[in-house]
Amino acid sequence: MRNPVLVYALGGLGEVGKNTYCIESDKDLIIIDAGVRFPEDELVGVDYVIPNYKHLKDVNQKIRALIITHGHEDHIGAVPFLIKTVNVPIIYAPKLACALIKQKIEDQKIKTSVKIIEYTQDSRLKAGDFDISFFRVTHSIPDSFGICIDTSEGRIVTTGDFKIDLTPVGPDIELHKIANMGIEGVDLLLADSTNAEKEGWTPSEKNVLNAINDVFDRASGRLIISTFSSNVSRIQQVLDCALKHDRKCVIVGRSMITAVECARKFGYIRFPDSYFKEVSDLQHLRDSETLILCTGSQGEAMAALNRIANGTFKGIKVTPGDTVVFSSSPIPGNGVSISKVVNQLTRMGAEVITNQILRDIHSSGHPSRLELKMMLKLIKPKYFMPAHGEYHMLKLHGDIAKELGMSEENVFILANGDTLVLENHQIKEGERFPAEDVYIDGYDINGVSTAVIRDRKILHDDGMVSVLVFLDSKNSCLIAPPRVNTVGFVSYGKYEDHLTRHASSKVQEGLEELFKSNHVTFNDIKNTVRSVVSKYYFRKTQRNPMIIPLILDKRINQKR
């Protein structure tokens, strides 16, 4: 009896982030990673973007385990939302990721019976009919792994996030295991595509150390360095330089504090306790002996560096002589936000160093084209599904596979929700599952509806106009002229007064005309107000503000 295996992504295809991959048979389902994507600027008020878990809810009885490749937010950030939505019996994760996940669950005060079990490169697991093993890869966070899943219908391998770093900060990538899998035979490979447009090899993480050392040598005042809180290898390098230059370190930003605490607990970060200081200690430290390590390298609105730049972070104010370092590359879509922070810091007198100015202060954790070719050559998959990347990255990765001799019909460039069916070592495309984005505001797992997002977009772009109508519904007449107020719309002094007066007159004319009809309802009044005001303001300003009619009825007020 055949047991077809479905392979699909609920997140991670056509985007950078939100990685969630599923392998499902008739009886069993495992989930690989549960990540978030951080919202673009136009998603006003949204904290996270997560996958739609509707299909997982429909097949909840099949779920055997969630398996985590490593501890980055785009791979573990949605774990709290996932376990509040479906019943996940076990989470398997590497040591550092285990600690970070437990901290997330504790922070959100989630009561759950899910078991969180640590695995290593030597672990072999069984989840239903799936046999699972692991191979260590190099990435920008310790304890990063690829996964091999043996099913009754064939072998599936996912690399997770990786690069082939031959001089890593931590343990080596297990190339021998990867080569052995290729010799034994791999039916389907899912591989990281994030740097598929970059030629050559991704520089080693050790190359960054010299550049960071140069920054410490040049900086005579305070040093403020921002990087990803989960880039533990980079944080250790910065702290090594701080110790060498006798600088005390102040950690700011909640996620940075949590990551450093977890990494120190397990020995991934080593730094003397006496060299860690609090924000309150800054006034007693000389500028030349101060390092501030913080979040916000992507220009995030609420991150520590943005608040420091805006002067709203209590106890830290940028002054001339400070050196601010962005030790990361912009995630696609974050360039504008980063530029705003850079400009604000520069206005305040700081010297700002980014990866564009001094390229070696950041090294990507993802593979460039030669590394992608080597991985394909070692694993020699029969079928290939590029993963983890925007569409053009997936397409370029697929082209690399074809360049190496793989037939076009064996390369699948998919979108979230598309499925592949593995049966008897053969693959074909299957049905499609719901996989639209879910927008999270706070910790509400229900998400924010697209209608709310649309309203926020209108308020963000065009502002709001409220129209207060004073009505005597019994006699179908106005008892005072309508009052028009604008918020976030126009503020041109006398011109604004002119517009509101004329808008009020237009509303009054429209309602007086409406009252000539019989059986006028409150909805009729509201629709008339919206129609009159929106047409008038668009004609005058070419903008479409949100129109909010407010009706005060004399008869109702008298009853009260």
Protein backbone atom coordinates (compact mmCIF):
# COMPACT_ATOMS: atom_id res chain seq x y z
CA MET A 1 0.00 0.00 0.00
CA ARG A 2 1.36 3.39 -1.02
CA ASN A 3 1.25 6.31 1.44
CA PRO A 4 1.73 9.53 -0.57
CA VAL A 5 3.68 12.23 1.25
CA LEU A 6 2.82 15.91 0.80
CA VAL A 7 5.52 18.57 1.04
CA TYR A 8 4.48 22.23 1.25
CA ALA A 9 5.27 25.59 2.84
CA LEU A 10 2.85 27.78 4.76
CA GLY A 11 5.53 30.48 4.89
CA GLY A 12 9.02 31.11 3.55
CA LEU A 13 8.38 31.02 -0.21
CA GLY A 14 8.29 34.33 -2.09
CA GLU A 15 9.42 36.16 1.05
CA VAL A 16 12.27 36.43 3.54
CA GLY A 17 10.88 35.20 6.85
CA LYS A 18 7.83 33.32 8.17
CA ASN A 19 9.51 29.94 7.49
CA THR A 20 7.05 27.10 8.06
CA TYR A 21 7.43 23.85 6.08
CA CYS A 22 5.26 20.75 6.43
CA ILE A 23 5.61 17.07 5.54
CA GLU A 24 2.33 15.19 5.69
CA SER A 25 1.23 11.62 5.01
CA ASP A 26 -2.16 9.95 5.44
CA LYS A 27 -1.56 9.52 9.18
CA ASP A 28 1.27 11.81 10.22
CA LEU A 29 2.42 15.42 9.88
CA ILE A 30 5.59 17.16 11.02
CA ILE A 31 6.19 20.90 10.93
CA ILE A 32 9.68 22.25 10.28
CA ASP A 33 10.15 25.71 11.84
CA ALA A 34 7.50 28.23 12.88
CA GLY A 35 8.76 31.69 11.99
CA VAL A 36 7.46 35.23 11.76
CA ARG A 37 8.04 37.92 9.17
CA PHE A 38 8.52 41.44 10.40
CA PRO A 39 6.03 43.88 8.85
CA GLU A 40 6.78 46.40 6.15
CA ASP A 41 6.20 50.10 6.84
CA GLU A 42 2.77 50.09 5.19
CA LEU A 43 1.45 47.53 7.70
CA VAL A 44 0.69 50.18 10.29
CA GLY A 45 0.42 48.90 13.86
CA VAL A 46 1.27 45.30 12.94
CA ASP A 47 3.89 43.61 15.13
CA TYR A 48 4.33 40.32 13.26
CA VAL A 49 3.17 38.55 10.12
CA ILE A 50 2.55 34.81 10.59
CA PRO A 51 1.19 32.03 8.35
CA ASN A 52 -2.45 31.04 8.12
CA TYR A 53 -2.72 27.85 10.21
CA LYS A 54 -6.19 26.87 8.93
CA HIS A 55 -4.97 23.69 7.23
CA LEU A 56 -3.04 22.63 10.34
CA LYS A 57 -6.20 23.10 12.41
CA ASP A 58 -8.10 20.91 9.94
CA VAL A 59 -5.56 18.06 10.29
CA ASN A 60 -4.56 18.69 13.91
CA GLN A 61 -4.92 15.00 14.81
CA LYS A 62 -2.03 14.18 12.43
CA ILE A 63 0.53 16.56 13.96
CA ARG A 64 3.36 14.56 15.57
CA ALA A 65 6.04 17.21 16.16
CA LEU A 66 7.43 20.65 15.45
CA ILE A 67 11.12 20.47 14.55
CA ILE A 68 13.24 23.63 14.72
CA THR A 69 16.39 24.08 12.61
CA HIS A 70 17.82 27.03 14.62
CA GLY A 71 16.88 29.91 16.89
CA HIS A 72 16.33 32.89 14.57
CA GLU A 73 13.01 34.74 14.78
CA ASP A 74 12.05 33.87 11.22
CA HIS A 75 12.19 30.22 12.34
CA ILE A 76 10.93 30.29 15.96
CA GLY A 77 9.10 33.62 16.34
CA ALA A 78 5.65 32.17 15.64
CA VAL A 79 5.95 29.21 18.04
CA PRO A 80 3.73 30.89 20.69
CA PHE A 81 1.03 31.61 18.10
CA LEU A 82 1.25 28.09 16.64
CA ILE A 83 0.90 26.27 19.95
CA LYS A 84 -2.06 28.49 20.90
CA THR A 85 -3.75 27.58 17.61
CA VAL A 86 -3.09 23.82 17.28
CA ASN A 87 -2.06 21.00 19.57
CA VAL A 88 1.66 20.36 19.07
CA PRO A 89 2.67 17.40 21.27
CA ILE A 90 6.48 17.83 21.06
CA ILE A 91 8.93 20.50 19.94
CA TYR A 92 12.41 19.24 19.01
CA ALA A 93 15.04 21.99 18.88
CA PRO A 94 18.80 22.55 19.34
CA LYS A 95 20.01 23.68 22.76
CA LEU A 96 20.02 27.46 22.23
CA ALA A 97 16.72 27.42 20.32
CA CYS A 98 15.16 25.38 23.17
CA ALA A 99 16.11 28.09 25.66
CA LEU A 100 14.81 30.91 23.43
CA ILE A 101 11.50 29.12 22.81
CA LYS A 102 10.98 28.47 26.52
CA GLN A 103 11.63 32.16 27.18
CA LYS A 104 9.04 33.17 24.57
CA ILE A 105 6.41 30.90 26.08
CA GLU A 106 7.18 32.25 29.54
CA ASP A 107 7.07 35.89 28.37
CA GLN A 108 3.62 35.40 26.87
CA LYS A 109 2.42 33.47 29.95
CA ILE A 110 1.21 30.56 27.84
CA LYS A 111 0.00 27.50 29.73
CA THR A 112 0.85 24.53 27.55
CA SER A 113 1.59 20.84 27.89
CA VAL A 114 3.94 20.80 24.90
CA LYS A 115 7.24 19.02 25.57
CA ILE A 116 10.39 20.84 24.43
CA ILE A 117 13.18 18.34 23.79
CA GLU A 118 16.77 19.12 22.79
CA TYR A 119 18.41 17.30 19.89
CA THR A 120 22.02 17.16 18.67
CA GLN A 121 23.75 16.15 15.45
CA ASP A 122 23.73 12.53 16.67
CA SER A 123 20.00 12.36 17.48
CA ARG A 124 17.67 10.08 15.56
CA LEU A 125 13.96 10.64 16.04
CA LYS A 126 10.79 8.89 15.01
CA ALA A 127 7.63 10.94 14.45
CA GLY A 128 4.85 8.63 13.31
CA ASP A 129 6.13 6.90 10.18
CA PHE A 130 8.90 9.48 9.64
CA ASP A 131 12.53 8.75 10.60
CA ILE A 132 14.44 11.96 11.26
CA SER A 133 18.17 12.67 11.54
CA PHE A 134 20.25 15.85 11.60
CA PHE A 135 23.44 17.37 10.22
CA ARG A 136 25.20 20.42 11.59
CA VAL A 137 25.53 23.50 9.35
CA THR A 138 27.29 26.84 9.81
CA HIS A 139 25.11 29.94 10.14
CA SER A 140 25.08 33.21 12.09
CA ILE A 141 23.75 31.55 15.26
CA PRO A 142 25.14 28.52 17.10
CA ASP A 143 23.35 25.18 16.90
CA SER A 144 22.06 25.40 13.34
CA PHE A 145 21.02 22.19 11.61
CA GLY A 146 19.75 20.67 8.41
CA ILE A 147 17.24 17.83 8.60
CA CYS A 148 16.91 14.50 6.79
CA ILE A 149 13.44 12.90 6.77
CA ASP A 150 13.08 9.31 5.60
CA THR A 151 9.54 8.36 4.60
CA SER A 152 8.00 5.24 3.11
CA GLU A 153 7.94 7.00 -0.28
CA GLY A 154 11.43 8.50 -0.34
CA ARG A 155 13.98 10.75 1.36
CA ILE A 156 13.51 14.48 1.89
CA VAL A 157 16.34 16.79 3.00
CA THR A 158 16.11 20.43 4.05
CA THR A 159 19.29 22.45 4.60
CA GLY A 160 17.74 25.04 6.93
CA ASP A 161 19.66 28.33 6.83
CA PHE A 162 23.32 27.68 6.11
CA LYS A 163 26.55 28.79 4.54
CA ILE A 164 29.66 26.74 3.88
CA ASP A 165 32.10 28.50 6.20
CA LEU A 166 35.43 26.66 6.23
CA THR A 167 36.79 28.83 9.06
CA PRO A 168 33.71 29.19 11.28
CA VAL A 169 33.52 30.79 14.69
CA GLY A 170 31.90 27.60 16.04
CA PRO A 171 31.79 23.93 14.94
CA ASP A 172 32.32 22.93 11.31
CA ILE A 173 29.54 22.16 8.86
CA GLU A 174 29.22 18.35 8.58
CA LEU A 175 30.11 18.05 4.92
CA HIS A 176 30.82 14.33 5.28
CA LYS A 177 27.24 13.66 6.39
CA ILE A 178 25.89 15.75 3.56
CA ALA A 179 28.02 13.85 1.03
CA ASN A 180 26.94 10.49 2.49
CA MET A 181 23.28 11.43 2.07
CA GLY A 182 24.01 12.21 -1.57
CA ILE A 183 25.65 8.81 -2.01
CA GLU A 184 22.71 7.03 -0.37
CA GLY A 185 20.22 8.97 -2.50
CA VAL A 186 17.98 11.98 -1.88
CA ASP A 187 14.62 12.31 -3.62
CA LEU A 188 13.78 15.92 -2.73
CA LEU A 189 15.99 18.77 -1.52
CA LEU A 190 14.71 22.01 0.03
CA ALA A 191 17.54 24.55 0.26
CA ASP A 192 18.12 28.13 1.47
CA SER A 193 17.92 30.62 -1.43
CA THR A 194 18.46 33.96 0.34
CA ASN A 195 21.76 34.89 -1.38
CA ALA A 196 21.10 33.21 -4.74
CA GLU A 197 21.82 36.47 -6.60
CA LYS A 198 25.30 36.87 -5.03
CA GLU A 199 28.30 35.49 -6.89
CA GLY A 200 31.18 33.63 -5.27
CA TRP A 201 31.36 32.57 -1.63
CA THR A 202 29.89 34.28 1.42
CA PRO A 203 32.81 35.62 3.49
CA SER A 204 33.68 33.75 6.66
CA GLU A 205 32.38 35.11 9.95
CA LYS A 206 36.01 35.35 11.09
CA ASN A 207 36.66 38.00 8.41
CA VAL A 208 34.38 40.33 10.37
CA LEU A 209 36.59 40.24 13.45
CA ASN A 210 39.37 42.34 11.89
CA ALA A 211 36.89 44.97 10.68
CA ILE A 212 35.25 45.24 14.11
CA ASN A 213 38.70 45.53 15.69
CA ASP A 214 39.49 48.44 13.36
CA VAL A 215 36.29 50.20 14.45
CA PHE A 216 37.30 49.83 18.11
CA ASP A 217 40.79 51.15 17.32
CA ARG A 218 39.41 54.25 15.57
CA ALA A 219 36.64 55.15 18.02
CA SER A 220 37.79 57.61 20.67
CA GLY A 221 34.33 58.17 22.16
CA ARG A 222 31.44 55.89 22.98
CA LEU A 223 30.72 52.95 20.70
CA ILE A 224 27.11 51.99 19.97
CA ILE A 225 26.89 48.74 17.98
CA SER A 226 23.62 47.37 16.68
CA THR A 227 23.13 43.87 15.29
CA PHE A 228 20.57 41.08 15.30
CA SER A 229 19.95 39.89 18.85
CA SER A 230 20.10 36.29 17.61
CA ASN A 231 23.47 36.72 15.88
CA VAL A 232 25.29 35.20 18.84
CA SER A 233 28.57 34.70 16.94
CA ARG A 234 28.68 38.42 16.07
CA ILE A 235 27.86 39.43 19.64
CA GLN A 236 30.74 37.29 20.93
CA GLN A 237 33.12 38.91 18.44
CA VAL A 238 32.05 42.39 19.56
CA LEU A 239 32.50 41.43 23.22
CA ASP A 240 35.95 39.94 22.49
CA CYS A 241 36.98 43.29 20.98
CA ALA A 242 35.46 45.14 23.94
CA LEU A 243 37.55 43.09 26.36
CA LYS A 244 40.67 43.63 24.28
CA HIS A 245 40.08 47.43 24.32
CA ASP A 246 38.99 47.49 27.97
CA ARG A 247 35.45 48.72 27.24
CA LYS A 248 32.54 48.00 29.57
CA CYS A 249 29.35 46.79 27.88
CA VAL A 250 25.77 47.96 28.40
CA ILE A 251 23.16 45.71 26.76
CA VAL A 252 19.91 47.43 25.74
CA GLY A 253 16.84 46.11 23.97
CA ARG A 254 14.69 43.37 25.44
CA SER A 255 15.42 40.75 22.78
CA MET A 256 19.17 41.48 23.00
CA ILE A 257 19.12 41.08 26.79
CA THR A 258 17.20 37.78 26.52
CA ALA A 259 19.47 36.39 23.80
CA VAL A 260 22.67 37.29 25.67
CA GLU A 261 21.36 35.78 28.91
CA CYS A 262 20.41 32.51 27.18
CA ALA A 263 23.70 32.33 25.26
CA ARG A 264 25.76 33.00 28.40
CA LYS A 265 23.84 30.35 30.30
CA PHE A 266 24.92 27.68 27.80
CA GLY A 267 28.45 28.99 27.28
CA TYR A 268 27.98 30.41 23.78
CA ILE A 269 28.92 33.89 25.00
CA ARG A 270 31.82 34.41 27.39
CA PHE A 271 32.47 37.82 28.95
CA PRO A 272 33.43 38.79 32.52
CA ASP A 273 30.52 39.72 34.75
CA SER A 274 32.41 42.78 35.95
CA TYR A 275 32.46 44.19 32.39
CA PHE A 276 28.66 44.14 32.05
CA LYS A 277 27.10 47.41 33.22
CA GLU A 278 23.61 48.89 33.47
CA VAL A 279 22.26 51.99 31.71
CA SER A 280 22.38 53.80 35.05
CA ASP A 281 26.17 53.22 35.14
CA LEU A 282 26.81 55.16 31.92
CA GLN A 283 27.14 58.50 33.71
CA HIS A 284 30.08 57.08 35.70
CA LEU A 285 31.94 55.60 32.69
CA ARG A 286 34.37 57.47 30.47
CA ASP A 287 33.28 57.62 26.82
CA SER A 288 36.44 55.82 25.75
CA GLU A 289 35.61 52.82 27.95
CA THR A 290 31.93 52.49 26.94
CA LEU A 291 30.26 50.04 24.56
CA ILE A 292 26.49 50.00 24.09
CA LEU A 293 25.24 46.85 22.36
CA CYS A 294 21.66 47.14 21.15
CA THR A 295 18.90 46.00 18.83
CA GLY A 296 17.55 48.03 15.91
CA SER A 297 19.94 47.37 13.03
CA GLN A 298 16.92 47.10 10.68
CA GLY A 299 15.45 50.48 11.68
CA GLU A 300 12.56 48.90 13.62
CA ALA A 301 10.35 51.62 15.09
CA MET A 302 10.29 50.30 18.67
CA ALA A 303 13.84 48.89 18.78
CA ALA A 304 16.42 50.38 21.12
CA LEU A 305 18.54 52.12 18.46
CA ASN A 306 15.54 53.91 16.93
CA ARG A 307 14.49 55.18 20.35
CA ILE A 308 18.05 56.28 21.07
CA ALA A 309 18.10 58.16 17.74
CA ASN A 310 14.78 59.84 18.57
CA GLY A 311 15.93 60.81 22.05
CA THR A 312 13.23 58.74 23.76
CA PHE A 313 15.44 56.05 25.36
CA LYS A 314 15.78 56.92 29.03
CA GLY A 315 19.38 57.29 30.12
CA ILE A 316 21.03 57.24 26.66
CA LYS A 317 21.43 60.32 24.49
CA VAL A 318 23.61 60.46 21.36
CA THR A 319 26.28 63.15 21.52
CA PRO A 320 28.97 64.34 19.09
CA GLY A 321 31.92 61.97 19.27
CA ASP A 322 29.79 58.82 19.48
CA THR A 323 30.36 56.12 16.84
CA VAL A 324 27.30 54.08 15.83
CA VAL A 325 27.82 50.83 13.91
CA PHE A 326 25.16 48.88 11.98
CA SER A 327 26.67 45.38 11.96
CA SER A 328 24.12 43.81 9.63
CA SER A 329 22.85 44.05 6.07
CA PRO A 330 19.38 45.44 5.35
CA ILE A 331 16.61 42.88 5.03
CA PRO A 332 14.71 43.57 1.78
CA GLY A 333 12.11 46.25 2.45
CA ASN A 334 13.90 47.80 5.45
CA GLY A 335 16.18 50.18 3.56
CA VAL A 336 14.01 53.28 4.07
CA SER A 337 13.59 52.67 7.81
CA ILE A 338 17.34 52.19 8.25
CA SER A 339 18.11 55.39 6.31
CA LYS A 340 15.83 57.39 8.60
CA VAL A 341 17.68 56.17 11.69
CA VAL A 342 21.10 56.75 10.07
CA ASN A 343 20.15 60.33 9.13
CA GLN A 344 18.79 61.10 12.59
CA LEU A 345 21.93 59.77 14.29
CA THR A 346 24.12 61.79 11.93
CA ARG A 347 22.14 64.98 12.69
CA MET A 348 22.83 64.39 16.37
CA GLY A 349 26.58 64.40 15.70
CA ALA A 350 27.39 60.70 15.66
CA GLU A 351 29.70 59.04 13.16
CA VAL A 352 27.60 56.27 11.59
CA ILE A 353 29.19 53.20 10.03
CA THR A 354 27.06 50.86 7.93
CA ASN A 355 27.86 47.76 5.91
CA GLN A 356 27.74 49.87 2.75
CA ILE A 357 30.54 52.08 4.07
CA LEU A 358 32.75 49.33 5.51
CA ARG A 359 31.67 46.03 3.96
CA ASP A 360 33.45 43.69 6.35
CA ILE A 361 31.51 44.70 9.48
CA HIS A 362 28.89 42.14 8.50
CA SER A 363 29.01 38.71 6.90
CA SER A 364 25.82 37.04 5.80
CA GLY A 365 24.75 33.74 7.30
CA HIS A 366 23.43 32.53 3.95
CA PRO A 367 25.11 30.83 0.98
CA SER A 368 26.19 32.59 -2.20
CA ARG A 369 26.08 30.93 -5.61
CA LEU A 370 29.21 28.76 -5.33
CA GLU A 371 28.03 27.37 -2.00
CA LEU A 372 24.60 26.62 -3.49
CA LYS A 373 26.32 24.76 -6.31
CA MET A 374 28.44 22.77 -3.87
CA MET A 375 25.39 21.78 -1.80
CA LEU A 376 23.56 20.60 -4.92
CA LYS A 377 26.64 18.69 -6.08
CA LEU A 378 27.05 16.97 -2.70
CA ILE A 379 23.41 16.01 -2.16
CA LYS A 380 22.61 15.23 -5.82
CA PRO A 381 18.82 15.35 -5.36
CA LYS A 382 16.46 13.84 -7.90
CA TYR A 383 14.01 16.72 -7.38
CA PHE A 384 14.66 20.22 -6.10
CA MET A 385 12.48 22.84 -4.36
CA PRO A 386 14.25 26.15 -3.65
CA ALA A 387 13.11 27.53 -0.27
CA HIS A 388 13.56 30.54 2.01
CA GLY A 389 13.63 33.54 -0.31
CA GLU A 390 11.78 36.05 -2.43
CA TYR A 391 10.54 34.84 -5.81
CA HIS A 392 13.56 36.07 -7.79
CA MET A 393 15.87 34.28 -5.31
CA LEU A 394 13.94 31.02 -5.70
CA LYS A 395 14.03 31.38 -9.49
CA LEU A 396 17.78 32.04 -9.54
CA HIS A 397 18.39 29.04 -7.28
CA GLY A 398 16.31 26.88 -9.59
CA ASP A 399 18.37 28.13 -12.55
CA ILE A 400 21.54 27.09 -10.72
CA ALA A 401 20.18 23.55 -10.39
CA LYS A 402 19.38 23.47 -14.12
CA GLU A 403 22.85 24.83 -14.89
CA LEU A 404 24.26 21.83 -13.01
CA GLY A 405 22.29 19.42 -15.19
CA MET A 406 18.96 18.96 -13.39
CA SER A 407 16.01 18.72 -15.81
CA GLU A 408 13.55 21.61 -15.76
CA GLU A 409 10.57 19.39 -14.88
CA ASN A 410 12.36 18.28 -11.68
CA VAL A 411 12.76 21.85 -10.34
CA PHE A 412 9.73 23.31 -8.57
CA ILE A 413 9.41 27.06 -7.93
CA LEU A 414 6.43 27.11 -5.59
CA ALA A 415 4.40 29.62 -3.59
CA ASN A 416 3.19 29.24 -0.02
CA GLY A 417 0.35 26.73 0.00
CA ASP A 418 1.43 24.82 -3.14
CA THR A 419 2.06 21.11 -2.55
CA LEU A 420 4.34 18.45 -3.93
CA VAL A 421 3.29 14.79 -3.74
CA LEU A 422 6.08 12.26 -3.18
CA GLU A 423 5.08 8.69 -4.04
CA ASN A 424 7.40 5.77 -4.80
CA HIS A 425 10.36 8.16 -5.25
CA GLN A 426 8.44 10.19 -7.87
CA ILE A 427 7.12 13.73 -7.42
CA LYS A 428 4.20 15.60 -8.94
CA GLU A 429 2.41 18.82 -8.02
CA GLY A 430 -0.70 18.48 -5.84
CA GLU A 431 -3.52 20.60 -4.46
CA ARG A 432 -3.21 24.00 -2.84
CA PHE A 433 -3.85 24.90 0.82
CA PRO A 434 -4.80 28.33 2.28
CA ALA A 435 -1.59 30.24 3.01
CA GLU A 436 -2.38 33.94 3.11
CA ASP A 437 -0.70 36.21 5.66
CA VAL A 438 -2.11 36.75 9.14
CA TYR A 439 -1.31 40.12 10.73
CA ILE A 440 -0.63 40.09 14.47
CA ASP A 441 -1.17 43.14 16.66
CA GLY A 442 0.11 42.38 20.17
CA TYR A 443 -0.41 38.76 21.21
CA ASP A 444 -3.88 38.24 19.68
CA ILE A 445 -3.69 35.02 17.65
CA ASN A 446 -6.82 35.92 15.69
CA GLY A 447 -4.84 38.49 13.77
CA VAL A 448 -5.94 41.80 12.30
CA SER A 449 -8.39 41.66 9.42
CA THR A 450 -7.49 43.07 6.03
CA ALA A 451 -10.29 45.62 6.49
CA VAL A 452 -8.56 46.97 9.61
CA ILE A 453 -5.23 47.08 7.76
CA ARG A 454 -6.93 48.98 4.95
CA ASP A 455 -8.41 51.50 7.40
CA ARG A 456 -5.02 51.99 9.06
CA LYS A 457 -3.47 52.55 5.63
CA ILE A 458 -6.05 55.26 4.85
CA LEU A 459 -5.43 56.95 8.21
CA HIS A 460 -1.67 56.69 7.63
CA ASP A 461 -1.81 58.16 4.12
CA ASP A 462 -4.80 60.53 4.07
CA GLY A 463 -5.93 61.17 7.64
CA MET A 464 -9.48 61.42 8.93
CA VAL A 465 -12.43 63.82 8.71
CA SER A 466 -15.20 63.67 11.31
CA VAL A 467 -18.56 65.33 10.62
CA LEU A 468 -20.83 66.10 13.57
CA VAL A 469 -24.49 66.40 12.51
CA PHE A 470 -27.01 68.05 14.90
CA LEU A 471 -30.39 66.58 13.97
CA ASP A 472 -34.05 66.77 14.89
CA SER A 473 -35.20 63.47 13.43
CA LYS A 474 -38.83 64.04 14.45
CA ASN A 475 -39.09 67.09 12.18
CA SER A 476 -36.40 65.87 9.67
CA CYS A 477 -34.26 68.97 9.93
CA LEU A 478 -30.92 70.21 11.15
CA ILE A 479 -30.85 72.25 14.35
CA ALA A 480 -27.33 73.61 13.76
CA PRO A 481 -24.80 73.65 10.90
CA PRO A 482 -22.70 70.45 10.64
CA ARG A 483 -19.31 70.69 12.33
CA VAL A 484 -16.32 69.35 10.34
CA ASN A 485 -13.02 68.42 12.00
CA THR A 486 -9.88 67.01 10.37
CA VAL A 487 -7.09 64.89 11.89
CA GLY A 488 -3.85 64.17 10.01
CA PHE A 489 -5.34 65.65 6.84
CA VAL A 490 -4.71 69.34 6.14
CA SER A 491 -3.11 72.00 8.29
CA TYR A 492 -2.80 75.03 6.06
CA GLY A 493 -4.08 77.69 8.47
CA LYS A 494 -6.72 79.86 6.82
CA TYR A 495 -6.99 77.40 3.91
CA GLU A 496 -7.95 74.64 6.35
CA ASP A 497 -10.65 76.87 7.84
CA HIS A 498 -11.86 77.65 4.33
CA LEU A 499 -12.12 73.94 3.46
CA THR A 500 -13.95 72.96 6.65
CA ARG A 501 -16.46 75.85 6.29
CA HIS A 502 -17.21 74.91 2.70
CA ALA A 503 -17.40 71.20 3.55
CA SER A 504 -19.92 72.03 6.30
CA SER A 505 -22.01 74.03 3.84
CA LYS A 506 -21.93 71.19 1.29
CA VAL A 507 -23.07 68.68 3.95
CA GLN A 508 -25.90 71.01 5.02
CA GLU A 509 -27.09 71.41 1.42
CA GLY A 510 -26.91 67.66 0.83
CA LEU A 511 -28.88 66.80 3.99
CA GLU A 512 -31.54 69.44 3.39
CA GLU A 513 -32.06 67.95 -0.06
CA LEU A 514 -32.20 64.44 1.47
CA PHE A 515 -34.84 65.51 4.04
CA LYS A 516 -37.23 66.34 1.20
CA SER A 517 -37.60 62.57 0.73
CA ASN A 518 -39.83 60.35 2.86
CA HIS A 519 -38.57 57.69 5.30
CA VAL A 520 -34.99 58.96 5.72
CA THR A 521 -32.89 56.57 7.84
CA PHE A 522 -29.72 57.20 9.84
CA ASN A 523 -27.82 55.13 7.24
CA ASP A 524 -29.11 57.45 4.50
CA ILE A 525 -27.78 60.42 6.47
CA LYS A 526 -24.37 58.79 7.02
CA ASN A 527 -24.04 57.78 3.37
CA THR A 528 -24.94 61.31 2.25
CA VAL A 529 -22.34 62.81 4.58
CA ARG A 530 -19.64 60.39 3.35
CA SER A 531 -20.49 60.99 -0.30
CA VAL A 532 -20.63 64.79 -0.09
CA VAL A 533 -17.46 65.20 2.03
CA SER A 534 -15.33 62.67 0.14
CA LYS A 535 -16.22 64.19 -3.26
CA TYR A 536 -15.57 67.73 -2.01
CA TYR A 537 -12.21 66.97 -0.37
CA PHE A 538 -10.97 64.85 -3.28
CA ARG A 539 -11.83 67.65 -5.73
CA LYS A 540 -9.99 70.17 -3.55
CA THR A 541 -7.00 68.12 -2.33
CA GLN A 542 -6.82 64.91 -4.46
CA ARG A 543 -6.88 62.89 -1.23
CA ASN A 544 -9.31 60.33 0.20
CA PRO A 545 -9.45 60.71 4.00
CA MET A 546 -11.53 58.39 6.16
CA ILE A 547 -14.94 60.02 6.67
CA ILE A 548 -16.63 59.41 10.04
CA PRO A 549 -20.20 60.82 10.40
CA LEU A 550 -21.39 61.38 14.00
CA ILE A 551 -25.12 62.05 14.51
CA LEU A 552 -26.58 63.79 17.57
CA ASP A 553 -30.38 63.46 17.57
CA LYS A 554 -32.41 65.95 19.63
CA ARG A 555 -35.23 63.46 20.20
CA ILE A 556 -32.93 60.76 21.60
CA ASN A 557 -31.10 63.23 23.84
CA GLN A 558 -34.43 64.53 25.23
CA LYS A 559 -35.46 60.97 26.16
CA ARG A 560 -32.20 60.52 28.02
